[in-house]
Structures are given as C-alpha cells and as structure tokens.
PDB file of N, CA and C in Angstrom:
ATOM      1  N   MET A   1      84.017  99.852 120.216  1.00  0.00           N
ATOM      2  CA  MET A   1      84.518  99.725 118.869  1.00  0.00           C
ATOM      3  C   MET A   1      84.830 101.122 118.331  1.00  0.00           C
ATOM      4  N   LYS A   2      86.029 101.273 117.754  1.00  0.00           N
ATOM      5  CA  LYS A   2      86.422 102.545 117.155  1.00  0.00           C
ATOM      6  C   LYS A   2      85.768 102.662 115.778  1.00  0.00           C
ATOM      7  N   LEU A   3      85.227 103.851 115.520  1.00  0.00           N
ATOM      8  CA  LEU A   3      84.575 104.118 114.242  1.00  0.00           C
ATOM      9  C   LEU A   3      85.316 105.236 113.519  1.00  0.00           C
ATOM     10  N   ILE A   4      85.375 105.134 112.203  1.00  0.00           N
ATOM     11  CA  ILE A   4      86.012 106.147 111.363  1.00  0.00           C
ATOM     12  C   ILE A   4      85.012 106.559 110.291  1.00  0.00           C
ATOM     13  N   HIS A   5      84.954 107.857 110.030  1.00  0.00           N
ATOM     14  CA  HIS A   5      84.037 108.363 108.996  1.00  0.00           C
ATOM     15  C   HIS A   5      84.737 108.345 107.641  1.00  0.00           C
ATOM     16  N   CYS A   6      84.178 107.616 106.701  1.00  0.00           N
ATOM     17  CA  CYS A   6      84.670 107.581 105.325  1.00  0.00           C
ATOM     18  C   CYS A   6      83.872 108.608 104.521  1.00  0.00           C
ATOM     19  N   PRO A   7      84.534 109.499 103.771  1.00  0.00           N
ATOM     20  CA  PRO A   7      83.794 110.485 102.986  1.00  0.00           C
ATOM     21  C   PRO A   7      82.866 109.860 101.936  1.00  0.00           C
ATOM     22  N   LYS A   8      83.127 108.614 101.552  1.00  0.00           N
ATOM     23  CA  LYS A   8      82.321 107.968 100.510  1.00  0.00           C
ATOM     24  C   LYS A   8      81.113 107.213 101.067  1.00  0.00           C
ATOM     25  N   VAL A   9      81.311 106.445 102.146  1.00  0.00           N
ATOM     26  CA  VAL A   9      80.235 105.570 102.634  1.00  0.00           C
ATOM     27  C   VAL A   9      79.784 105.864 104.058  1.00  0.00           C
ATOM     28  N   GLY A  10      80.345 106.883 104.681  1.00  0.00           N
ATOM     29  CA  GLY A  10      79.929 107.236 106.037  1.00  0.00           C
ATOM     30  C   GLY A  10      80.745 106.526 107.099  1.00  0.00           C
ATOM     31  N   THR A  11      80.188 106.440 108.288  1.00  0.00           N
ATOM     32  CA  THR A  11      80.896 105.903 109.445  1.00  0.00           C
ATOM     33  C   THR A  11      80.917 104.377 109.403  1.00  0.00           C
ATOM     34  N   ARG A  12      82.136 103.835 109.560  1.00  0.00           N
ATOM     35  CA  ARG A  12      82.349 102.387 109.472  1.00  0.00           C
ATOM     36  C   ARG A  12      83.310 101.949 110.581  1.00  0.00           C
ATOM     37  N   PRO A  13      83.363 100.637 110.900  1.00  0.00           N
ATOM     38  CA  PRO A  13      84.303 100.129 111.912  1.00  0.00           C
ATOM     39  C   PRO A  13      85.756 100.341 111.464  1.00  0.00           C
ATOM     40  N   ALA A  14      86.627 100.630 112.405  1.00  0.00           N
ATOM     41  CA  ALA A  14      88.033 100.882 112.103  1.00  0.00           C
ATOM     42  C   ALA A  14      88.714  99.697 111.423  1.00  0.00           C
ATOM     43  N   SER A  15      88.207  98.495 111.627  1.00  0.00           N
ATOM     44  CA  SER A  15      88.820  97.308 111.014  1.00  0.00           C
ATOM     45  C   SER A  15      88.731  97.331 109.486  1.00  0.00           C
ATOM     46  N   GLU A  16      87.904  98.203 108.909  1.00  0.00           N
ATOM     47  CA  GLU A  16      87.779  98.309 107.450  1.00  0.00           C
ATOM     48  C   GLU A  16      88.799  99.269 106.838  1.00  0.00           C
ATOM     49  N   PHE A  17      89.658  99.873 107.660  1.00  0.00           N
ATOM     50  CA  PHE A  17      90.567 100.912 107.187  1.00  0.00           C
ATOM     51  C   PHE A  17      92.019 100.526 107.394  1.00  0.00           C
ATOM     52  N   VAL A  18      92.887 101.089 106.560  1.00  0.00           N
ATOM     53  CA  VAL A  18      94.334 100.952 106.754  1.00  0.00           C
ATOM     54  C   VAL A  18      94.970 102.341 106.721  1.00  0.00           C
ATOM     55  N   TYR A  19      95.995 102.498 107.545  1.00  0.00           N
ATOM     56  CA  TYR A  19      96.741 103.745 107.662  1.00  0.00           C
ATOM     57  C   TYR A  19      97.753 103.818 106.523  1.00  0.00           C
ATOM     58  N   GLY A  20      97.917 104.993 105.934  1.00  0.00           N
ATOM     59  CA  GLY A  20      98.837 105.133 104.813  1.00  0.00           C
ATOM     60  C   GLY A  20      99.967 106.128 105.024  1.00  0.00           C
ATOM     61  N   GLY A  21     100.140 106.643 106.228  1.00  0.00           N
ATOM     62  CA  GLY A  21     101.235 107.574 106.491  1.00  0.00           C
ATOM     63  C   GLY A  21     100.762 109.013 106.560  1.00  0.00           C
ATOM     64  N   LEU A  22     101.703 109.905 106.867  1.00  0.00           N
ATOM     65  CA  LEU A  22     101.387 111.321 106.961  1.00  0.00           C
ATOM     66  C   LEU A  22     101.037 111.890 105.594  1.00  0.00           C
ATOM     67  N   TRP A  23     100.132 112.853 105.575  1.00  0.00           N
ATOM     68  CA  TRP A  23      99.760 113.532 104.339  1.00  0.00           C
ATOM     69  C   TRP A  23     100.323 114.946 104.361  1.00  0.00           C
ATOM     70  N   ARG A  24     100.965 115.296 103.273  1.00  0.00           N
ATOM     71  CA  ARG A  24     101.441 116.659 103.079  1.00  0.00           C
ATOM     72  C   ARG A  24     101.354 116.958 101.593  1.00  0.00           C
ATOM     73  N   PRO A  25     101.006 118.193 101.243  1.00  0.00           N
ATOM     74  CA  PRO A  25     100.960 118.506  99.816  1.00  0.00           C
ATOM     75  C   PRO A  25     102.364 118.418  99.211  1.00  0.00           C
ATOM     76  N   MET A  26     102.459 117.837  98.023  1.00  0.00           N
ATOM     77  CA  MET A  26     103.723 117.689  97.327  1.00  0.00           C
ATOM     78  C   MET A  26     104.118 119.016  96.679  1.00  0.00           C
ATOM     79  N   PRO A  27     105.413 119.366  96.723  1.00  0.00           N
ATOM     80  CA  PRO A  27     105.836 120.588  96.031  1.00  0.00           C
ATOM     81  C   PRO A  27     105.604 120.479  94.524  1.00  0.00           C
ATOM     82  N   ASP A  28     105.460 121.612  93.882  1.00  0.00           N
ATOM     83  CA  ASP A  28     105.278 121.645  92.430  1.00  0.00           C
ATOM     84  C   ASP A  28     106.581 121.198  91.758  1.00  0.00           C
ATOM     85  N   PRO A  29     106.553 120.126  90.987  1.00  0.00           N
ATOM     86  CA  PRO A  29     107.786 119.613  90.373  1.00  0.00           C
ATOM     87  C   PRO A  29     108.444 120.599  89.409  1.00  0.00           C
ATOM     88  N   ASP A  30     107.669 121.490  88.822  1.00  0.00           N
ATOM     89  CA  ASP A  30     108.214 122.410  87.826  1.00  0.00           C
ATOM     90  C   ASP A  30     108.843 123.661  88.431  1.00  0.00           C
ATOM     91  N   THR A  31     108.438 124.043  89.638  1.00  0.00           N
ATOM     92  CA  THR A  31     108.908 125.316  90.183  1.00  0.00           C
ATOM     93  C   THR A  31     109.642 125.196  91.515  1.00  0.00           C
ATOM     94  N   SER A  32     109.653 124.036  92.133  1.00  0.00           N
ATOM     95  CA  SER A  32     110.240 123.905  93.470  1.00  0.00           C
ATOM     96  C   SER A  32     111.755 123.740  93.410  1.00  0.00           C
ATOM     97  N   ALA A  33     112.416 124.321  94.408  1.00  0.00           N
ATOM     98  CA  ALA A  33     113.868 124.195  94.536  1.00  0.00           C
ATOM     99  C   ALA A  33     114.214 122.872  95.217  1.00  0.00           C
ATOM    100  N   ASP A  34     115.474 122.496  95.119  1.00  0.00           N
ATOM    101  CA  ASP A  34     115.929 121.248  95.743  1.00  0.00           C
ATOM    102  C   ASP A  34     115.675 121.233  97.245  1.00  0.00           C
ATOM    103  N   ILE A  35     115.819 122.376  97.883  1.00  0.00           N
ATOM    104  CA  ILE A  35     115.597 122.445  99.339  1.00  0.00           C
ATOM    105  C   ILE A  35     114.145 122.124  99.691  1.00  0.00           C
ATOM    106  N   ASP A  36     113.196 122.531  98.845  1.00  0.00           N
ATOM    107  CA  ASP A  36     111.777 122.205  99.070  1.00  0.00           C
ATOM    108  C   ASP A  36     111.547 120.700  98.982  1.00  0.00           C
ATOM    109  N   TRP A  37     112.174 120.065  97.972  1.00  0.00           N
ATOM    110  CA  TRP A  37     112.028 118.616  97.817  1.00  0.00           C
ATOM    111  C   TRP A  37     112.707 117.880  98.962  1.00  0.00           C
ATOM    112  N   SER A  38     113.859 118.369  99.384  1.00  0.00           N
ATOM    113  CA  SER A  38     114.566 117.751 100.502  1.00  0.00           C
ATOM    114  C   SER A  38     113.700 117.773 101.759  1.00  0.00           C
ATOM    115  N   HIS A  39     113.104 118.906 102.023  1.00  0.00           N
ATOM    116  CA  HIS A  39     112.234 119.021 103.196  1.00  0.00           C
ATOM    117  C   HIS A  39     111.034 118.079 103.084  1.00  0.00           C
ATOM    118  N   TYR A  40     110.431 118.020 101.913  1.00  0.00           N
ATOM    119  CA  TYR A  40     109.265 117.156 101.693  1.00  0.00           C
ATOM    120  C   TYR A  40     109.609 115.685 101.901  1.00  0.00           C
ATOM    121  N   VAL A  41     110.750 115.249 101.393  1.00  0.00           N
ATOM    122  CA  VAL A  41     111.120 113.832 101.437  1.00  0.00           C
ATOM    123  C   VAL A  41     111.648 113.401 102.800  1.00  0.00           C
ATOM    124  N   PHE A  42     112.483 114.245 103.448  1.00  0.00           N
ATOM    125  CA  PHE A  42     113.213 113.788 104.623  1.00  0.00           C
ATOM    126  C   PHE A  42     112.727 114.316 105.965  1.00  0.00           C
ATOM    127  N   HIS A  43     111.978 115.383 105.994  1.00  0.00           N
ATOM    128  CA  HIS A  43     111.593 115.988 107.273  1.00  0.00           C
ATOM    129  C   HIS A  43     110.148 115.670 107.617  1.00  0.00           C
ATOM    130  N   ARG A  44     109.966 115.049 108.754  1.00  0.00           N
ATOM    131  CA  ARG A  44     108.634 114.705 109.239  1.00  0.00           C
ATOM    132  C   ARG A  44     108.503 115.176 110.677  1.00  0.00           C
ATOM    133  N   ASP A  45     107.319 115.622 111.023  1.00  0.00           N
ATOM    134  CA  ASP A  45     107.060 116.033 112.394  1.00  0.00           C
ATOM    135  C   ASP A  45     106.363 114.886 113.107  1.00  0.00           C
ATOM    136  N   GLY A  46     107.086 114.202 113.987  1.00  0.00           N
ATOM    137  CA  GLY A  46     106.512 113.056 114.692  1.00  0.00           C
ATOM    138  C   GLY A  46     105.966 113.403 116.067  1.00  0.00           C
ATOM    139  N   ALA A  47     105.902 114.694 116.378  1.00  0.00           N
ATOM    140  CA  ALA A  47     105.420 115.103 117.697  1.00  0.00           C
ATOM    141  C   ALA A  47     103.937 114.769 117.850  1.00  0.00           C
ATOM    142  N   PRO A  48     103.518 114.362 119.052  1.00  0.00           N
ATOM    143  CA  PRO A  48     102.101 114.091 119.270  1.00  0.00           C
ATOM    144  C   PRO A  48     101.274 115.355 119.054  1.00  0.00           C
ATOM    145  N   GLY A  49     100.100 115.175 118.540  1.00  0.00           N
ATOM    146  CA  GLY A  49      99.199 116.300 118.286  1.00  0.00           C
ATOM    147  C   GLY A  49      98.372 116.034 117.049  1.00  0.00           C
ATOM    148  N   VAL A  50      97.805 117.084 116.505  1.00  0.00           N
ATOM    149  CA  VAL A  50      96.933 116.942 115.334  1.00  0.00           C
ATOM    150  C   VAL A  50      97.796 116.759 114.082  1.00  0.00           C
ATOM    151  N   GLN A  51      97.543 115.672 113.363  1.00  0.00           N
ATOM    152  CA  GLN A  51      98.250 115.339 112.127  1.00  0.00           C
ATOM    153  C   GLN A  51      97.237 115.076 111.025  1.00  0.00           C
ATOM    154  N   ARG A  52      97.660 115.306 109.810  1.00  0.00           N
ATOM    155  CA  ARG A  52      96.870 114.876 108.655  1.00  0.00           C
ATOM    156  C   ARG A  52      97.508 113.608 108.117  1.00  0.00           C
ATOM    157  N   GLU A  53      96.675 112.592 107.887  1.00  0.00           N
ATOM    158  CA  GLU A  53      97.176 111.279 107.508  1.00  0.00           C
ATOM    159  C   GLU A  53      96.365 110.703 106.350  1.00  0.00           C
ATOM    160  N   TRP A  54      97.037 109.867 105.561  1.00  0.00           N
ATOM    161  CA  TRP A  54      96.356 109.089 104.533  1.00  0.00           C
ATOM    162  C   TRP A  54      95.678 107.893 105.194  1.00  0.00           C
ATOM    163  N   TRP A  55      94.424 107.647 104.828  1.00  0.00           N
ATOM    164  CA  TRP A  55      93.716 106.447 105.245  1.00  0.00           C
ATOM    165  C   TRP A  55      92.985 105.882 104.037  1.00  0.00           C
ATOM    166  N   CYS A  56      92.819 104.572 104.021  1.00  0.00           N
ATOM    167  CA  CYS A  56      92.114 103.915 102.922  1.00  0.00           C
ATOM    168  C   CYS A  56      90.972 103.080 103.498  1.00  0.00           C
ATOM    169  N   HIS A  57      89.783 103.254 102.893  1.00  0.00           N
ATOM    170  CA  HIS A  57      88.665 102.372 103.217  1.00  0.00           C
ATOM    171  C   HIS A  57      88.793 101.178 102.278  1.00  0.00           C
ATOM    172  N   VAL A  58      89.247 100.045 102.811  1.00  0.00           N
ATOM    173  CA  VAL A  58      89.619  98.890 102.000  1.00  0.00           C
ATOM    174  C   VAL A  58      88.470  98.354 101.136  1.00  0.00           C
ATOM    175  N   PRO A  59      87.239  98.178 101.652  1.00  0.00           N
ATOM    176  CA  PRO A  59      86.183  97.613 100.806  1.00  0.00           C
ATOM    177  C   PRO A  59      85.877  98.442  99.552  1.00  0.00           C
ATOM    178  N   THR A  60      86.027  99.772  99.632  1.00  0.00           N
ATOM    179  CA  THR A  60      85.750 100.597  98.450  1.00  0.00           C
ATOM    180  C   THR A  60      87.022 101.028  97.736  1.00  0.00           C
ATOM    181  N   GLY A  61      88.164 100.881  98.394  1.00  0.00           N
ATOM    182  CA  GLY A  61      89.430 101.302  97.808  1.00  0.00           C
ATOM    183  C   GLY A  61      89.620 102.814  97.792  1.00  0.00           C
ATOM    184  N   MET A  62      88.821 103.534  98.573  1.00  0.00           N
ATOM    185  CA  MET A  62      88.915 104.992  98.569  1.00  0.00           C
ATOM    186  C   MET A  62      89.970 105.476  99.552  1.00  0.00           C
ATOM    187  N   TRP A  63      90.912 106.264  99.036  1.00  0.00           N
ATOM    188  CA  TRP A  63      91.903 106.936  99.867  1.00  0.00           C
ATOM    189  C   TRP A  63      91.393 108.315 100.211  1.00  0.00           C
ATOM    190  N   PHE A  64      91.616 108.723 101.457  1.00  0.00           N
ATOM    191  CA  PHE A  64      91.190 110.050 101.893  1.00  0.00           C
ATOM    192  C   PHE A  64      92.149 110.551 102.962  1.00  0.00           C
ATOM    193  N   VAL A  65      91.986 111.798 103.338  1.00  0.00           N
ATOM    194  CA  VAL A  65      92.842 112.425 104.343  1.00  0.00           C
ATOM    195  C   VAL A  65      92.043 112.556 105.636  1.00  0.00           C
ATOM    196  N   ALA A  66      92.633 112.093 106.731  1.00  0.00           N
ATOM    197  CA  ALA A  66      92.002 112.220 108.041  1.00  0.00           C
ATOM    198  C   ALA A  66      92.831 113.156 108.904  1.00  0.00           C
ATOM    199  N   GLU A  67      92.140 114.014 109.622  1.00  0.00           N
ATOM    200  CA  GLU A  67      92.796 114.854 110.614  1.00  0.00           C
ATOM    201  C   GLU A  67      92.597 114.138 111.944  1.00  0.00           C
ATOM    202  N   ARG A  68      93.731 113.765 112.584  1.00  0.00           N
ATOM    203  CA  ARG A  68      93.652 112.931 113.774  1.00  0.00           C
ATOM    204  C   ARG A  68      94.561 113.488 114.860  1.00  0.00           C
ATOM    205  N   ASP A  69      94.065 113.503 116.081  1.00  0.00           N
ATOM    206  CA  ASP A  69      94.875 113.879 117.230  1.00  0.00           C
ATOM    207  C   ASP A  69      95.595 112.615 117.685  1.00  0.00           C
ATOM    208  N   THR A  70      96.893 112.549 117.423  1.00  0.00           N
ATOM    209  CA  THR A  70      97.647 111.332 117.738  1.00  0.00           C
ATOM    210  C   THR A  70      97.893 111.167 119.231  1.00  0.00           C
ATOM    211  N   LEU A  71      97.798 112.251 119.995  1.00  0.00           N
ATOM    212  CA  LEU A  71      97.968 112.153 121.445  1.00  0.00           C
ATOM    213  C   LEU A  71      96.762 111.462 122.084  1.00  0.00           C
ATOM    214  N   LYS A  72      95.570 111.804 121.625  1.00  0.00           N
ATOM    215  CA  LYS A  72      94.331 111.227 122.168  1.00  0.00           C
ATOM    216  C   LYS A  72      93.806 110.076 121.320  1.00  0.00           C
ATOM    217  N   ASP A  73      94.419 109.844 120.142  1.00  0.00           N
ATOM    218  CA  ASP A  73      93.962 108.843 119.181  1.00  0.00           C
ATOM    219  C   ASP A  73      92.489 109.060 118.835  1.00  0.00           C
ATOM    220  N   GLU A  74      92.179 110.297 118.465  1.00  0.00           N
ATOM    221  CA  GLU A  74      90.810 110.656 118.073  1.00  0.00           C
ATOM    222  C   GLU A  74      90.806 111.215 116.656  1.00  0.00           C
ATOM    223  N   PHE A  75      89.854 110.755 115.861  1.00  0.00           N
ATOM    224  CA  PHE A  75      89.665 111.312 114.527  1.00  0.00           C
ATOM    225  C   PHE A  75      88.828 112.576 114.661  1.00  0.00           C
ATOM    226  N   LEU A  76      89.354 113.687 114.151  1.00  0.00           N
ATOM    227  CA  LEU A  76      88.663 114.963 114.248  1.00  0.00           C
ATOM    228  C   LEU A  76      87.756 115.198 113.041  1.00  0.00           C
ATOM    229  N   ARG A  77      88.254 114.849 111.852  1.00  0.00           N
ATOM    230  CA  ARG A  77      87.449 114.966 110.633  1.00  0.00           C
ATOM    231  C   ARG A  77      88.154 114.252 109.495  1.00  0.00           C
ATOM    232  N   THR A  78      87.410 113.998 108.438  1.00  0.00           N
ATOM    233  CA  THR A  78      87.973 113.381 107.239  1.00  0.00           C
ATOM    234  C   THR A  78      87.665 114.265 106.046  1.00  0.00           C
ATOM    235  N   LEU A  79      88.572 114.239 105.074  1.00  0.00           N
ATOM    236  CA  LEU A  79      88.428 115.067 103.885  1.00  0.00           C
ATOM    237  C   LEU A  79      88.778 114.255 102.644  1.00  0.00           C
ATOM    238  N   THR A  80      88.156 114.590 101.538  1.00  0.00           N
ATOM    239  CA  THR A  80      88.593 114.018 100.276  1.00  0.00           C
ATOM    240  C   THR A  80      89.920 114.671  99.920  1.00  0.00           C
ATOM    241  N   LEU A  81      90.646 114.095  98.981  1.00  0.00           N
ATOM    242  CA  LEU A  81      91.915 114.685  98.568  1.00  0.00           C
ATOM    243  C   LEU A  81      91.700 116.094  98.024  1.00  0.00           C
ATOM    244  N   ALA A  82      90.629 116.295  97.258  1.00  0.00           N
ATOM    245  CA  ALA A  82      90.337 117.624  96.705  1.00  0.00           C
ATOM    246  C   ALA A  82      90.119 118.650  97.812  1.00  0.00           C
ATOM    247  N   GLU A  83      89.406 118.275  98.862  1.00  0.00           N
ATOM    248  CA  GLU A  83      89.168 119.193  99.990  1.00  0.00           C
ATOM    249  C   GLU A  83      90.481 119.525 100.707  1.00  0.00           C
ATOM    250  N   ALA A  84      91.326 118.500 100.924  1.00  0.00           N
ATOM    251  CA  ALA A  84      92.599 118.725 101.606  1.00  0.00           C
ATOM    252  C   ALA A  84      93.515 119.613 100.778  1.00  0.00           C
ATOM    253  N   MET A  85      93.547 119.396  99.463  1.00  0.00           N
ATOM    254  CA  MET A  85      94.383 120.224  98.590  1.00  0.00           C
ATOM    255  C   MET A  85      93.887 121.664  98.562  1.00  0.00           C
ATOM    256  N   LYS A  86      92.576 121.852  98.538  1.00  0.00           N
ATOM    257  CA  LYS A  86      92.017 123.204  98.532  1.00  0.00           C
ATOM    258  C   LYS A  86      92.398 123.941  99.815  1.00  0.00           C
ATOM    259  N   GLU A  87      92.267 123.271 100.949  1.00  0.00           N
ATOM    260  CA  GLU A  87      92.649 123.894 102.223  1.00  0.00           C
ATOM    261  C   GLU A  87      94.138 124.226 102.256  1.00  0.00           C
ATOM    262  N   ALA A  88      94.960 123.351 101.688  1.00  0.00           N
ATOM    263  CA  ALA A  88      96.409 123.582 101.694  1.00  0.00           C
ATOM    264  C   ALA A  88      96.784 124.781 100.822  1.00  0.00           C
ATOM    265  N   THR A  89      96.102 124.969  99.714  1.00  0.00           N
ATOM    266  CA  THR A  89      96.410 126.101  98.838  1.00  0.00           C
ATOM    267  C   THR A  89      95.808 127.392  99.359  1.00  0.00           C
ATOM    268  N   ASP A  90      94.721 127.298 100.131  1.00  0.00           N
ATOM    269  CA  ASP A  90      94.103 128.496 100.709  1.00  0.00           C
ATOM    270  C   ASP A  90      94.893 129.033 101.901  1.00  0.00           C
ATOM    271  N   ALA A  91      95.666 128.156 102.526  1.00  0.00           N
ATOM    272  CA  ALA A  91      96.412 128.541 103.746  1.00  0.00           C
ATOM    273  C   ALA A  91      97.640 129.376 103.436  1.00  0.00           C
TER     274      ALA A  91
END
C-alpha cells in the first residue's frame, strides 16, 4: 500500500488523497510583465524527475505541496503552502 505524509494528520493511505497538478509560485500581479504571466500559464515542464505538486487530503480538505520524483513515483517530502512559498522566495 502506498502511503503519503499529510502535514496535518501524518502518514495516511494514498486512497485518501487527490492530485491537483503542478505547483509553482504565481507571479506578483502588480509587478509582473506579460511575459512572466505567459510563462506561468502556458509553460510546463513535463520531464520525468522531481516535481512539486498540489495534493489534497480529502477527509480534512487540506491542500499541501508534495515534492515527488515522477520517474520513481516516490514522495520525497510534503510541505504546507507557507513552507513552499518561503522556500520559493528564499531561492
């Protein structure tokens, strides 16, 4: 059985979760140029490897960011949205 770690309730069976797509920080609406928005909306990296993705723990309704190796289908770690945003701004 595949297990996923939820930042709110801990490790749970994968059947309790739904995938929500790739996660990327959104450009600042007040300062970003059209080219930044174009890249955000239309360009996605679908290559196998480590991706950050939205996941939802359905019983609690909590959305979080998971770092997952799509080539091996392994969850490396999970982060709250605040943690993911902090890492994105620190980088």
